[in-house]
PDB file of all heavy atoms in Angstrom:
ATOM      1  N   TYR A   1      -4.343  -5.693  11.172  1.00  0.00           N
ATOM      2  CA  TYR A   1      -4.849  -5.298   9.851  1.00  0.00           C
ATOM      3  C   TYR A   1      -4.361  -3.888   9.567  1.00  0.00           C
ATOM      4  O   TYR A   1      -4.550  -2.980  10.391  1.00  0.00           O
ATOM      5  CB  TYR A   1      -6.376  -5.365   9.859  1.00  0.00           C
ATOM      6  CG  TYR A   1      -7.088  -4.960   8.581  1.00  0.00           C
ATOM      7  CD1 TYR A   1      -6.622  -5.347   7.330  1.00  0.00           C
ATOM      8  CD2 TYR A   1      -8.262  -4.201   8.631  1.00  0.00           C
ATOM      9  CE1 TYR A   1      -7.299  -4.993   6.175  1.00  0.00           C
ATOM     10  CE2 TYR A   1      -8.957  -3.856   7.482  1.00  0.00           C
ATOM     11  CZ  TYR A   1      -8.471  -4.239   6.254  1.00  0.00           C
ATOM     12  OH  TYR A   1      -9.144  -3.887   5.108  1.00  0.00           O
ATOM     13  N   ILE A   2      -3.706  -3.716   8.428  1.00  0.00           N
ATOM     14  CA  ILE A   2      -3.272  -2.389   7.972  1.00  0.00           C
ATOM     15  C   ILE A   2      -3.937  -2.113   6.640  1.00  0.00           C
ATOM     16  O   ILE A   2      -3.938  -2.954   5.740  1.00  0.00           O
ATOM     17  CB  ILE A   2      -1.745  -2.301   7.855  1.00  0.00           C
ATOM     18  CG1 ILE A   2      -1.092  -2.489   9.235  1.00  0.00           C
ATOM     19  CG2 ILE A   2      -1.325  -0.954   7.267  1.00  0.00           C
ATOM     20  CD1 ILE A   2       0.435  -2.473   9.210  1.00  0.00           C
ATOM     21  N   HIS A   3      -4.518  -0.928   6.525  1.00  0.00           N
ATOM     22  CA  HIS A   3      -5.286  -0.534   5.347  1.00  0.00           C
ATOM     23  C   HIS A   3      -4.704   0.759   4.783  1.00  0.00           C
ATOM     24  O   HIS A   3      -4.341   1.669   5.529  1.00  0.00           O
ATOM     25  CB  HIS A   3      -6.758  -0.322   5.759  1.00  0.00           C
ATOM     26  CG  HIS A   3      -7.597   0.342   4.704  1.00  0.00           C
ATOM     27  ND1 HIS A   3      -7.788   1.714   4.657  1.00  0.00           N
ATOM     28  CD2 HIS A   3      -8.316  -0.174   3.680  1.00  0.00           C
ATOM     29  CE1 HIS A   3      -8.582   1.996   3.648  1.00  0.00           C
ATOM     30  NE2 HIS A   3      -8.912   0.877   3.038  1.00  0.00           N
ATOM     31  N   ALA A   4      -4.609   0.832   3.458  1.00  0.00           N
ATOM     32  CA  ALA A   4      -4.172   2.056   2.791  1.00  0.00           C
ATOM     33  C   ALA A   4      -4.995   2.227   1.521  1.00  0.00           C
ATOM     34  O   ALA A   4      -5.168   1.269   0.764  1.00  0.00           O
ATOM     35  CB  ALA A   4      -2.687   1.995   2.461  1.00  0.00           C
ATOM     36  N   ARG A   5      -5.474   3.447   1.298  1.00  0.00           N
ATOM     37  CA  ARG A   5      -6.359   3.676   0.153  1.00  0.00           C
ATOM     38  C   ARG A   5      -6.070   5.042  -0.474  1.00  0.00           C
ATOM     39  O   ARG A   5      -5.819   6.015   0.230  1.00  0.00           O
ATOM     40  CB  ARG A   5      -7.823   3.618   0.622  1.00  0.00           C
ATOM     41  CG  ARG A   5      -8.828   3.730  -0.512  1.00  0.00           C
ATOM     42  CD  ARG A   5     -10.246   3.640   0.010  1.00  0.00           C
ATOM     43  NE  ARG A   5     -10.623   4.839   0.745  1.00  0.00           N
ATOM     44  CZ  ARG A   5     -11.792   5.006   1.365  1.00  0.00           C
ATOM     45  NH1 ARG A   5     -12.676   4.021   1.361  1.00  0.00           N
ATOM     46  NH2 ARG A   5     -12.064   6.133   1.992  1.00  0.00           N
ATOM     47  N   ALA A   6      -6.111   5.077  -1.811  1.00  0.00           N
ATOM     48  CA  ALA A   6      -5.950   6.329  -2.569  1.00  0.00           C
ATOM     49  C   ALA A   6      -4.661   7.049  -2.176  1.00  0.00           C
ATOM     50  O   ALA A   6      -4.660   8.224  -1.824  1.00  0.00           O
ATOM     51  CB  ALA A   6      -7.169   7.236  -2.378  1.00  0.00           C
ATOM     52  N   ILE A   7      -3.552   6.313  -2.241  1.00  0.00           N
ATOM     53  CA  ILE A   7      -2.253   6.870  -1.864  1.00  0.00           C
ATOM     54  C   ILE A   7      -1.320   6.965  -3.073  1.00  0.00           C
ATOM     55  O   ILE A   7      -0.100   7.033  -2.921  1.00  0.00           O
ATOM     56  CB  ILE A   7      -1.595   6.039  -0.751  1.00  0.00           C
ATOM     57  CG1 ILE A   7      -1.428   4.578  -1.172  1.00  0.00           C
ATOM     58  CG2 ILE A   7      -2.408   6.125   0.530  1.00  0.00           C
ATOM     59  CD1 ILE A   7      -0.630   3.754  -0.177  1.00  0.00           C
ATOM     60  N   VAL A   8      -1.901   7.015  -4.270  1.00  0.00           N
ATOM     61  CA  VAL A   8      -1.124   6.974  -5.510  1.00  0.00           C
ATOM     62  C   VAL A   8      -0.073   8.072  -5.577  1.00  0.00           C
ATOM     63  O   VAL A   8       0.988   7.891  -6.174  1.00  0.00           O
ATOM     64  CB  VAL A   8      -2.069   7.016  -6.734  1.00  0.00           C
ATOM     65  CG1 VAL A   8      -2.875   8.303  -6.769  1.00  0.00           C
ATOM     66  CG2 VAL A   8      -1.306   6.826  -8.038  1.00  0.00           C
ATOM     67  N   THR A   9      -0.316   9.224  -4.952  1.00  0.00           N
ATOM     68  CA  THR A   9       0.636  10.336  -5.018  1.00  0.00           C
ATOM     69  C   THR A   9       1.507  10.454  -3.772  1.00  0.00           C
ATOM     70  O   THR A   9       2.263  11.415  -3.641  1.00  0.00           O
ATOM     71  CB  THR A   9      -0.115  11.671  -5.202  1.00  0.00           C
ATOM     72  OG1 THR A   9      -0.951  11.905  -4.061  1.00  0.00           O
ATOM     73  CG2 THR A   9      -0.965  11.672  -6.459  1.00  0.00           C
ATOM     74  N   CYS A  10       1.435   9.501  -2.862  1.00  0.00           N
ATOM     75  CA  CYS A  10       1.991   9.718  -1.519  1.00  0.00           C
ATOM     76  C   CYS A  10       3.475   9.408  -1.354  1.00  0.00           C
ATOM     77  O   CYS A  10       4.185  10.168  -0.690  1.00  0.00           O
ATOM     78  CB  CYS A  10       1.203   8.896  -0.494  1.00  0.00           C
ATOM     79  SG  CYS A  10      -0.461   9.513  -0.163  1.00  0.00           S
ATOM     80  N   PHE A  11       3.946   8.278  -1.880  1.00  0.00           N
ATOM     81  CA  PHE A  11       5.238   7.758  -1.443  1.00  0.00           C
ATOM     82  C   PHE A  11       6.257   7.697  -2.577  1.00  0.00           C
ATOM     83  O   PHE A  11       5.917   7.415  -3.726  1.00  0.00           O
ATOM     84  CB  PHE A  11       5.076   6.358  -0.842  1.00  0.00           C
ATOM     85  CG  PHE A  11       4.069   6.291   0.274  1.00  0.00           C
ATOM     86  CD1 PHE A  11       3.098   5.297   0.295  1.00  0.00           C
ATOM     87  CD2 PHE A  11       4.084   7.224   1.305  1.00  0.00           C
ATOM     88  CE1 PHE A  11       2.169   5.229   1.316  1.00  0.00           C
ATOM     89  CE2 PHE A  11       3.157   7.172   2.328  1.00  0.00           C
ATOM     90  CZ  PHE A  11       2.191   6.171   2.338  1.00  0.00           C
ATOM     91  N   LYS A  12       7.517   7.895  -2.221  1.00  0.00           N
ATOM     92  CA  LYS A  12       8.585   7.807  -3.205  1.00  0.00           C
ATOM     93  C   LYS A  12       9.040   6.365  -3.431  1.00  0.00           C
ATOM     94  O   LYS A  12       9.441   6.001  -4.533  1.00  0.00           O
ATOM     95  CB  LYS A  12       9.775   8.654  -2.758  1.00  0.00           C
ATOM     96  CG  LYS A  12       9.556  10.154  -2.896  1.00  0.00           C
ATOM     97  CD  LYS A  12      10.839  10.925  -2.611  1.00  0.00           C
ATOM     98  CE  LYS A  12      10.639  12.407  -2.853  1.00  0.00           C
ATOM     99  NZ  LYS A  12      11.888  13.178  -2.610  1.00  0.00           N
ATOM    100  N   ASP A  13       9.014   5.545  -2.379  1.00  0.00           N
ATOM    101  CA  ASP A  13       9.531   4.175  -2.466  1.00  0.00           C
ATOM    102  C   ASP A  13       8.463   3.210  -1.968  1.00  0.00           C
ATOM    103  O   ASP A  13       8.371   2.918  -0.781  1.00  0.00           O
ATOM    104  CB  ASP A  13      10.814   4.053  -1.630  1.00  0.00           C
ATOM    105  CG  ASP A  13      11.531   2.735  -1.858  1.00  0.00           C
ATOM    106  OD1 ASP A  13      10.902   1.783  -2.366  1.00  0.00           O
ATOM    107  OD2 ASP A  13      12.727   2.642  -1.516  1.00  0.00           O
ATOM    108  N   ASN A  14       7.656   2.711  -2.888  1.00  0.00           N
ATOM    109  CA  ASN A  14       6.554   1.827  -2.503  1.00  0.00           C
ATOM    110  C   ASN A  14       7.051   0.482  -1.986  1.00  0.00           C
ATOM    111  O   ASN A  14       6.431  -0.110  -1.098  1.00  0.00           O
ATOM    112  CB  ASN A  14       5.610   1.629  -3.690  1.00  0.00           C
ATOM    113  CG  ASN A  14       4.853   2.902  -4.034  1.00  0.00           C
ATOM    114  OD1 ASN A  14       4.593   3.733  -3.171  1.00  0.00           O
ATOM    115  ND2 ASN A  14       4.493   3.067  -5.306  1.00  0.00           N
ATOM    116  N   ARG A  15       8.150  -0.011  -2.520  1.00  0.00           N
ATOM    117  CA  ARG A  15       8.721  -1.259  -2.003  1.00  0.00           C
ATOM    118  C   ARG A  15       9.078  -1.122  -0.522  1.00  0.00           C
ATOM    119  O   ARG A  15       8.785  -2.008   0.280  1.00  0.00           O
ATOM    120  CB  ARG A  15       9.984  -1.626  -2.791  1.00  0.00           C
ATOM    121  CG  ARG A  15       9.765  -2.448  -4.043  1.00  0.00           C
ATOM    122  CD  ARG A  15      11.087  -2.991  -4.547  1.00  0.00           C
ATOM    123  NE  ARG A  15      10.917  -3.830  -5.722  1.00  0.00           N
ATOM    124  CZ  ARG A  15      10.965  -3.376  -6.972  1.00  0.00           C
ATOM    125  NH1 ARG A  15      11.171  -2.090  -7.189  1.00  0.00           N
ATOM    126  NH2 ARG A  15      10.792  -4.205  -7.995  1.00  0.00           N
ATOM    127  N   ALA A  16       9.730  -0.008  -0.187  1.00  0.00           N
ATOM    128  CA  ALA A  16      10.116   0.225   1.200  1.00  0.00           C
ATOM    129  C   ALA A  16       8.894   0.349   2.096  1.00  0.00           C
ATOM    130  O   ALA A  16       8.905  -0.102   3.254  1.00  0.00           O
ATOM    131  CB  ALA A  16      10.976   1.485   1.301  1.00  0.00           C
ATOM    132  N   MET A  17       7.817   0.931   1.577  1.00  0.00           N
ATOM    133  CA  MET A  17       6.596   1.067   2.361  1.00  0.00           C
ATOM    134  C   MET A  17       5.969  -0.303   2.629  1.00  0.00           C
ATOM    135  O   MET A  17       5.503  -0.576   3.744  1.00  0.00           O
ATOM    136  CB  MET A  17       5.600   1.967   1.625  1.00  0.00           C
ATOM    137  CG  MET A  17       4.376   2.330   2.436  1.00  0.00           C
ATOM    138  SD  MET A  17       4.754   3.135   4.020  1.00  0.00           S
ATOM    139  CE  MET A  17       5.734   4.532   3.462  1.00  0.00           C
ATOM    140  N   VAL A  18       5.977  -1.187   1.631  1.00  0.00           N
ATOM    141  CA  VAL A  18       5.445  -2.540   1.839  1.00  0.00           C
ATOM    142  C   VAL A  18       6.252  -3.264   2.909  1.00  0.00           C
ATOM    143  O   VAL A  18       5.686  -3.962   3.770  1.00  0.00           O
ATOM    144  CB  VAL A  18       5.450  -3.335   0.513  1.00  0.00           C
ATOM    145  CG1 VAL A  18       5.110  -4.797   0.758  1.00  0.00           C
ATOM    146  CG2 VAL A  18       4.453  -2.728  -0.473  1.00  0.00           C
ATOM    147  N   LYS A  19       7.572  -3.108   2.896  1.00  0.00           N
ATOM    148  CA  LYS A  19       8.421  -3.748   3.909  1.00  0.00           C
ATOM    149  C   LYS A  19       8.099  -3.205   5.303  1.00  0.00           C
ATOM    150  O   LYS A  19       8.011  -3.966   6.277  1.00  0.00           O
ATOM    151  CB  LYS A  19       9.891  -3.489   3.577  1.00  0.00           C
ATOM    152  CG  LYS A  19      10.882  -4.073   4.599  1.00  0.00           C
ATOM    153  CD  LYS A  19      10.856  -5.585   4.627  1.00  0.00           C
ATOM    154  CE  LYS A  19      12.061  -6.189   5.331  1.00  0.00           C
ATOM    155  NZ  LYS A  19      12.194  -5.771   6.737  1.00  0.00           N
ATOM    156  N   LYS A  20       7.881  -1.912   5.395  1.00  0.00           N
ATOM    157  CA  LYS A  20       7.555  -1.300   6.684  1.00  0.00           C
ATOM    158  C   LYS A  20       6.213  -1.825   7.191  1.00  0.00           C
ATOM    159  O   LYS A  20       6.045  -2.117   8.388  1.00  0.00           O
ATOM    160  CB  LYS A  20       7.516   0.224   6.514  1.00  0.00           C
ATOM    161  CG  LYS A  20       7.484   1.000   7.802  1.00  0.00           C
ATOM    162  CD  LYS A  20       7.536   2.504   7.523  1.00  0.00           C
ATOM    163  CE  LYS A  20       8.849   2.926   6.935  1.00  0.00           C
ATOM    164  NZ  LYS A  20       8.963   4.403   6.835  1.00  0.00           N
ATOM    165  N   ILE A  21       5.250  -1.969   6.296  1.00  0.00           N
ATOM    166  CA  ILE A  21       3.939  -2.510   6.658  1.00  0.00           C
ATOM    167  C   ILE A  21       4.078  -3.951   7.136  1.00  0.00           C
ATOM    168  O   ILE A  21       3.511  -4.342   8.161  1.00  0.00           O
ATOM    169  CB  ILE A  21       2.979  -2.400   5.458  1.00  0.00           C
ATOM    170  CG1 ILE A  21       2.613  -0.921   5.197  1.00  0.00           C
ATOM    171  CG2 ILE A  21       1.729  -3.241   5.664  1.00  0.00           C
ATOM    172  CD1 ILE A  21       1.989  -0.673   3.846  1.00  0.00           C
ATOM    173  N   PHE A  22       4.837  -4.759   6.394  1.00  0.00           N
ATOM    174  CA  PHE A  22       5.060  -6.167   6.761  1.00  0.00           C
ATOM    175  C   PHE A  22       5.660  -6.275   8.160  1.00  0.00           C
ATOM    176  O   PHE A  22       5.227  -7.085   8.987  1.00  0.00           O
ATOM    177  CB  PHE A  22       5.989  -6.809   5.732  1.00  0.00           C
ATOM    178  CG  PHE A  22       6.204  -8.281   5.911  1.00  0.00           C
ATOM    179  CD1 PHE A  22       5.331  -9.203   5.344  1.00  0.00           C
ATOM    180  CD2 PHE A  22       7.299  -8.758   6.630  1.00  0.00           C
ATOM    181  CE1 PHE A  22       5.532 -10.566   5.499  1.00  0.00           C
ATOM    182  CE2 PHE A  22       7.509 -10.117   6.790  1.00  0.00           C
ATOM    183  CZ  PHE A  22       6.620 -11.029   6.225  1.00  0.00           C
ATOM    184  N   ASP A  23       6.651  -5.429   8.434  1.00  0.00           N
ATOM    185  CA  ASP A  23       7.344  -5.480   9.730  1.00  0.00           C
ATOM    186  C   ASP A  23       6.450  -5.058  10.889  1.00  0.00           C
ATOM    187  O   ASP A  23       6.743  -5.388  12.048  1.00  0.00           O
ATOM    188  CB  ASP A  23       8.582  -4.578   9.695  1.00  0.00           C
ATOM    189  CG  ASP A  23       9.675  -5.124   8.797  1.00  0.00           C
ATOM    190  OD1 ASP A  23       9.615  -6.326   8.449  1.00  0.00           O
ATOM    191  OD2 ASP A  23      10.580  -4.350   8.422  1.00  0.00           O
ATOM    192  N   ASN A  24       5.379  -4.318  10.595  1.00  0.00           N
ATOM    193  CA  ASN A  24       4.491  -3.824  11.655  1.00  0.00           C
ATOM    194  C   ASN A  24       3.173  -4.577  11.734  1.00  0.00           C
ATOM    195  O   ASN A  24       2.233  -4.124  12.393  1.00  0.00           O
ATOM    196  CB  ASN A  24       4.240  -2.327  11.467  1.00  0.00           C
ATOM    197  CG  ASN A  24       5.404  -1.480  11.931  1.00  0.00           C
ATOM    198  OD1 ASN A  24       5.490  -1.085  13.086  1.00  0.00           O
ATOM    199  ND2 ASN A  24       6.339  -1.215  11.020  1.00  0.00           N
ATOM    200  N   LEU A  25       3.106  -5.733  11.082  1.00  0.00           N
ATOM    201  CA  LEU A  25       1.963  -6.624  11.196  1.00  0.00           C
ATOM    202  C   LEU A  25       2.290  -7.784  12.139  1.00  0.00           C
ATOM    203  O   LEU A  25       3.416  -8.274  12.172  1.00  0.00           O
ATOM    204  CB  LEU A  25       1.588  -7.205   9.834  1.00  0.00           C
ATOM    205  CG  LEU A  25       0.685  -6.387   8.916  1.00  0.00           C
ATOM    206  CD1 LEU A  25       0.612  -7.068   7.553  1.00  0.00           C
ATOM    207  CD2 LEU A  25      -0.719  -6.225   9.490  1.00  0.00           C
ATOM    208  N   LYS A  26       1.295  -8.232  12.865  1.00  0.00           N
ATOM    209  CA  LYS A  26       1.440  -9.456  13.629  1.00  0.00           C
ATOM    210  C   LYS A  26       1.470 -10.644  12.654  1.00  0.00           C
ATOM    211  O   LYS A  26       0.875 -10.576  11.569  1.00  0.00           O
ATOM    212  CB  LYS A  26       0.265  -9.634  14.596  1.00  0.00           C
ATOM    213  CG  LYS A  26       0.191  -8.603  15.703  1.00  0.00           C
ATOM    214  CD  LYS A  26      -1.044  -8.846  16.560  1.00  0.00           C
ATOM    215  CE  LYS A  26      -1.192  -7.770  17.634  1.00  0.00           C
ATOM    216  NZ  LYS A  26      -2.432  -7.962  18.428  1.00  0.00           N
ATOM    217  N   PRO A  27       2.122 -11.742  13.002  1.00  0.00           N
ATOM    218  CA  PRO A  27       2.006 -12.945  12.175  1.00  0.00           C
ATOM    219  C   PRO A  27       0.529 -13.322  11.995  1.00  0.00           C
ATOM    220  O   PRO A  27      -0.235 -13.336  12.962  1.00  0.00           O
ATOM    221  CB  PRO A  27       2.757 -14.000  12.994  1.00  0.00           C
ATOM    222  CG  PRO A  27       3.742 -13.208  13.794  1.00  0.00           C
ATOM    223  CD  PRO A  27       3.035 -11.927  14.145  1.00  0.00           C
ATOM    224  N   GLY A  28       0.142 -13.572  10.753  1.00  0.00           N
ATOM    225  CA  GLY A  28      -1.258 -13.854  10.450  1.00  0.00           C
ATOM    226  C   GLY A  28      -2.071 -12.616  10.126  1.00  0.00           C
ATOM    227  O   GLY A  28      -3.231 -12.720   9.727  1.00  0.00           O
ATOM    228  N   GLY A  29      -1.459 -11.427  10.282  1.00  0.00           N
ATOM    229  CA  GLY A  29      -2.168 -10.186  10.008  1.00  0.00           C
ATOM    230  C   GLY A  29      -2.250  -9.883   8.522  1.00  0.00           C
ATOM    231  O   GLY A  29      -1.462 -10.402   7.708  1.00  0.00           O
ATOM    232  N   TYR A  30      -3.214  -9.045   8.151  1.00  0.00           N
ATOM    233  CA  TYR A  30      -3.461  -8.719   6.744  1.00  0.00           C
ATOM    234  C   TYR A  30      -3.124  -7.268   6.434  1.00  0.00           C
ATOM    235  O   TYR A  30      -3.325  -6.363   7.265  1.00  0.00           O
ATOM    236  CB  TYR A  30      -4.932  -8.951   6.395  1.00  0.00           C
ATOM    237  CG  TYR A  30      -5.276 -10.390   6.085  1.00  0.00           C
ATOM    238  CD1 TYR A  30      -5.644 -11.260   7.106  1.00  0.00           C
ATOM    239  CD2 TYR A  30      -5.208 -10.874   4.780  1.00  0.00           C
ATOM    240  CE1 TYR A  30      -5.952 -12.582   6.828  1.00  0.00           C
ATOM    241  CE2 TYR A  30      -5.517 -12.197   4.492  1.00  0.00           C
ATOM    242  CZ  TYR A  30      -5.894 -13.045   5.512  1.00  0.00           C
ATOM    243  OH  TYR A  30      -6.188 -14.345   5.238  1.00  0.00           O
ATOM    244  N   PHE A  31      -2.639  -7.067   5.224  1.00  0.00           N
ATOM    245  CA  PHE A  31      -2.501  -5.727   4.649  1.00  0.00           C
ATOM    246  C   PHE A  31      -3.408  -5.636   3.437  1.00  0.00           C
ATOM    247  O   PHE A  31      -3.454  -6.559   2.618  1.00  0.00           O
ATOM    248  CB  PHE A  31      -1.060  -5.442   4.239  1.00  0.00           C
ATOM    249  CG  PHE A  31      -0.907  -4.216   3.378  1.00  0.00           C
ATOM    250  CD1 PHE A  31      -1.415  -2.989   3.790  1.00  0.00           C
ATOM    251  CD2 PHE A  31      -0.264  -4.281   2.146  1.00  0.00           C
ATOM    252  CE1 PHE A  31      -1.282  -1.852   2.994  1.00  0.00           C
ATOM    253  CE2 PHE A  31      -0.116  -3.151   1.350  1.00  0.00           C
ATOM    254  CZ  PHE A  31      -0.634  -1.944   1.778  1.00  0.00           C
ATOM    255  N   GLU A  32      -4.123  -4.516   3.325  1.00  0.00           N
ATOM    256  CA  GLU A  32      -5.000  -4.279   2.162  1.00  0.00           C
ATOM    257  C   GLU A  32      -4.707  -2.909   1.576  1.00  0.00           C
ATOM    258  O   GLU A  32      -4.622  -1.903   2.280  1.00  0.00           O
ATOM    259  CB  GLU A  32      -6.466  -4.378   2.559  1.00  0.00           C
ATOM    260  CG  GLU A  32      -7.399  -4.121   1.385  1.00  0.00           C
ATOM    261  CD  GLU A  32      -8.796  -4.692   1.579  1.00  0.00           C
ATOM    262  OE1 GLU A  32      -9.053  -5.277   2.651  1.00  0.00           O
ATOM    263  OE2 GLU A  32      -9.614  -4.552   0.658  1.00  0.00           O
ATOM    264  N   PHE A  33      -4.581  -2.887   0.256  1.00  0.00           N
ATOM    265  CA  PHE A  33      -4.236  -1.690  -0.514  1.00  0.00           C
ATOM    266  C   PHE A  33      -5.319  -1.463  -1.563  1.00  0.00           C
ATOM    267  O   PHE A  33      -5.703  -2.397  -2.275  1.00  0.00           O
ATOM    268  CB  PHE A  33      -2.867  -1.923  -1.169  1.00  0.00           C
ATOM    269  CG  PHE A  33      -2.423  -0.885  -2.152  1.00  0.00           C
ATOM    270  CD1 PHE A  33      -1.880   0.311  -1.730  1.00  0.00           C
ATOM    271  CD2 PHE A  33      -2.512  -1.130  -3.515  1.00  0.00           C
ATOM    272  CE1 PHE A  33      -1.432   1.262  -2.644  1.00  0.00           C
ATOM    273  CE2 PHE A  33      -2.066  -0.193  -4.440  1.00  0.00           C
ATOM    274  CZ  PHE A  33      -1.525   1.007  -4.004  1.00  0.00           C
ATOM    275  N   GLN A  34      -5.822  -0.241  -1.653  1.00  0.00           N
ATOM    276  CA  GLN A  34      -6.868   0.104  -2.619  1.00  0.00           C
ATOM    277  C   GLN A  34      -6.469   1.422  -3.279  1.00  0.00           C
ATOM    278  O   GLN A  34      -6.321   2.429  -2.589  1.00  0.00           O
ATOM    279  CB  GLN A  34      -8.227   0.273  -1.925  1.00  0.00           C
ATOM    280  CG  GLN A  34      -8.629  -0.868  -1.010  1.00  0.00           C
ATOM    281  CD  GLN A  34      -9.938  -0.585  -0.283  1.00  0.00           C
ATOM    282  OE1 GLN A  34     -10.585   0.442  -0.472  1.00  0.00           O
ATOM    283  NE2 GLN A  34     -10.340  -1.511   0.580  1.00  0.00           N
ATOM    284  N   ASP A  35      -6.289   1.424  -4.594  1.00  0.00           N
ATOM    285  CA  ASP A  35      -5.747   2.635  -5.211  1.00  0.00           C
ATOM    286  C   ASP A  35      -6.242   2.841  -6.636  1.00  0.00           C
ATOM    287  O   ASP A  35      -6.290   1.894  -7.431  1.00  0.00           O
ATOM    288  CB  ASP A  35      -4.213   2.544  -5.241  1.00  0.00           C
ATOM    289  CG  ASP A  35      -3.532   3.858  -4.945  1.00  0.00           C
ATOM    290  OD1 ASP A  35      -4.123   4.699  -4.255  1.00  0.00           O
ATOM    291  OD2 ASP A  35      -2.384   4.034  -5.370  1.00  0.00           O
ATOM    292  N   PRO A  36      -6.593   4.084  -6.981  1.00  0.00           N
ATOM    293  CA  PRO A  36      -6.800   4.416  -8.383  1.00  0.00           C
ATOM    294  C   PRO A  36      -5.465   4.346  -9.117  1.00  0.00           C
ATOM    295  O   PRO A  36      -4.400   4.502  -8.497  1.00  0.00           O
ATOM    296  CB  PRO A  36      -7.322   5.866  -8.348  1.00  0.00           C
ATOM    297  CG  PRO A  36      -7.553   6.195  -6.931  1.00  0.00           C
ATOM    298  CD  PRO A  36      -6.755   5.252  -6.103  1.00  0.00           C
ATOM    299  N   THR A  37      -5.490   4.108 -10.409  1.00  0.00           N
ATOM    300  CA  THR A  37      -4.250   3.987 -11.173  1.00  0.00           C
ATOM    301  C   THR A  37      -4.182   5.044 -12.271  1.00  0.00           C
ATOM    302  O   THR A  37      -5.205   5.529 -12.754  1.00  0.00           O
ATOM    303  CB  THR A  37      -4.128   2.590 -11.807  1.00  0.00           C
ATOM    304  OG1 THR A  37      -5.136   2.439 -12.803  1.00  0.00           O
ATOM    305  CG2 THR A  37      -4.275   1.490 -10.756  1.00  0.00           C
ATOM    306  N   PHE A  38      -2.976   5.387 -12.621  1.00  0.00           N
ATOM    307  CA  PHE A  38      -2.702   6.281 -13.756  1.00  0.00           C
ATOM    308  C   PHE A  38      -1.986   5.485 -14.831  1.00  0.00           C
ATOM    309  O   PHE A  38      -1.252   4.545 -14.527  1.00  0.00           O
ATOM    310  CB  PHE A  38      -1.791   7.435 -13.298  1.00  0.00           C
ATOM    311  CG  PHE A  38      -2.514   8.625 -12.762  1.00  0.00           C
ATOM    312  CD1 PHE A  38      -2.874   8.679 -11.430  1.00  0.00           C
ATOM    313  CD2 PHE A  38      -2.827   9.704 -13.579  1.00  0.00           C
ATOM    314  CE1 PHE A  38      -3.524   9.781 -10.915  1.00  0.00           C
ATOM    315  CE2 PHE A  38      -3.471  10.809 -13.083  1.00  0.00           C
ATOM    316  CZ  PHE A  38      -3.830  10.861 -11.744  1.00  0.00           C
ATOM    317  N   PRO A  39      -2.163   5.895 -16.116  1.00  0.00           N
ATOM    318  CA  PRO A  39      -3.097   6.917 -16.597  1.00  0.00           C
ATOM    319  C   PRO A  39      -4.475   6.324 -16.865  1.00  0.00           C
ATOM    320  O   PRO A  39      -4.651   5.105 -16.830  1.00  0.00           O
ATOM    321  CB  PRO A  39      -2.446   7.362 -17.904  1.00  0.00           C
ATOM    322  CG  PRO A  39      -1.772   6.120 -18.418  1.00  0.00           C
ATOM    323  CD  PRO A  39      -1.302   5.375 -17.192  1.00  0.00           C
ATOM    324  N   MET A  40      -5.440   7.197 -17.124  1.00  0.00           N
ATOM    325  CA  MET A  40      -6.752   6.734 -17.585  1.00  0.00           C
ATOM    326  C   MET A  40      -6.594   6.079 -18.956  1.00  0.00           C
ATOM    327  O   MET A  40      -5.624   6.331 -19.682  1.00  0.00           O
ATOM    328  CB  MET A  40      -7.719   7.914 -17.691  1.00  0.00           C
ATOM    329  CG  MET A  40      -8.027   8.569 -16.371  1.00  0.00           C
ATOM    330  SD  MET A  40      -9.021  10.069 -16.609  1.00  0.00           S
ATOM    331  CE  MET A  40      -9.049  10.686 -14.922  1.00  0.00           C
ATOM    332  N   LEU A  41      -7.580   5.264 -19.318  1.00  0.00           N
ATOM    333  CA  LEU A  41      -7.530   4.501 -20.562  1.00  0.00           C
ATOM    334  C   LEU A  41      -8.824   4.662 -21.337  1.00  0.00           C
ATOM    335  O   LEU A  41      -9.854   5.067 -20.794  1.00  0.00           O
ATOM    336  CB  LEU A  41      -7.313   3.019 -20.252  1.00  0.00           C
ATOM    337  CG  LEU A  41      -6.080   2.647 -19.412  1.00  0.00           C
ATOM    338  CD1 LEU A  41      -6.174   1.193 -18.962  1.00  0.00           C
ATOM    339  CD2 LEU A  41      -4.793   2.895 -20.178  1.00  0.00           C
ATOM    340  N   SER A  42      -8.774   4.329 -22.626  1.00  0.00           N
ATOM    341  CA  SER A  42      -9.997   4.136 -23.424  1.00  0.00           C
ATOM    342  C   SER A  42      -9.710   3.057 -24.452  1.00  0.00           C
ATOM    343  O   SER A  42      -8.645   3.058 -25.074  1.00  0.00           O
ATOM    344  CB  SER A  42     -10.440   5.440 -24.116  1.00  0.00           C
ATOM    345  OG  SER A  42      -9.514   5.830 -25.113  1.00  0.00           O
TER     346      SER A  42
END
């Protein structure tokens, strides 16, 4: 299980980060991402 939260300002290449996460999971393992989004809305 890999978890990442509130990383909206962290990475330059999110696609590459997802690939790195996938490669470091066991088969059957889960990745979970939780993030605030920009911009705010009304």
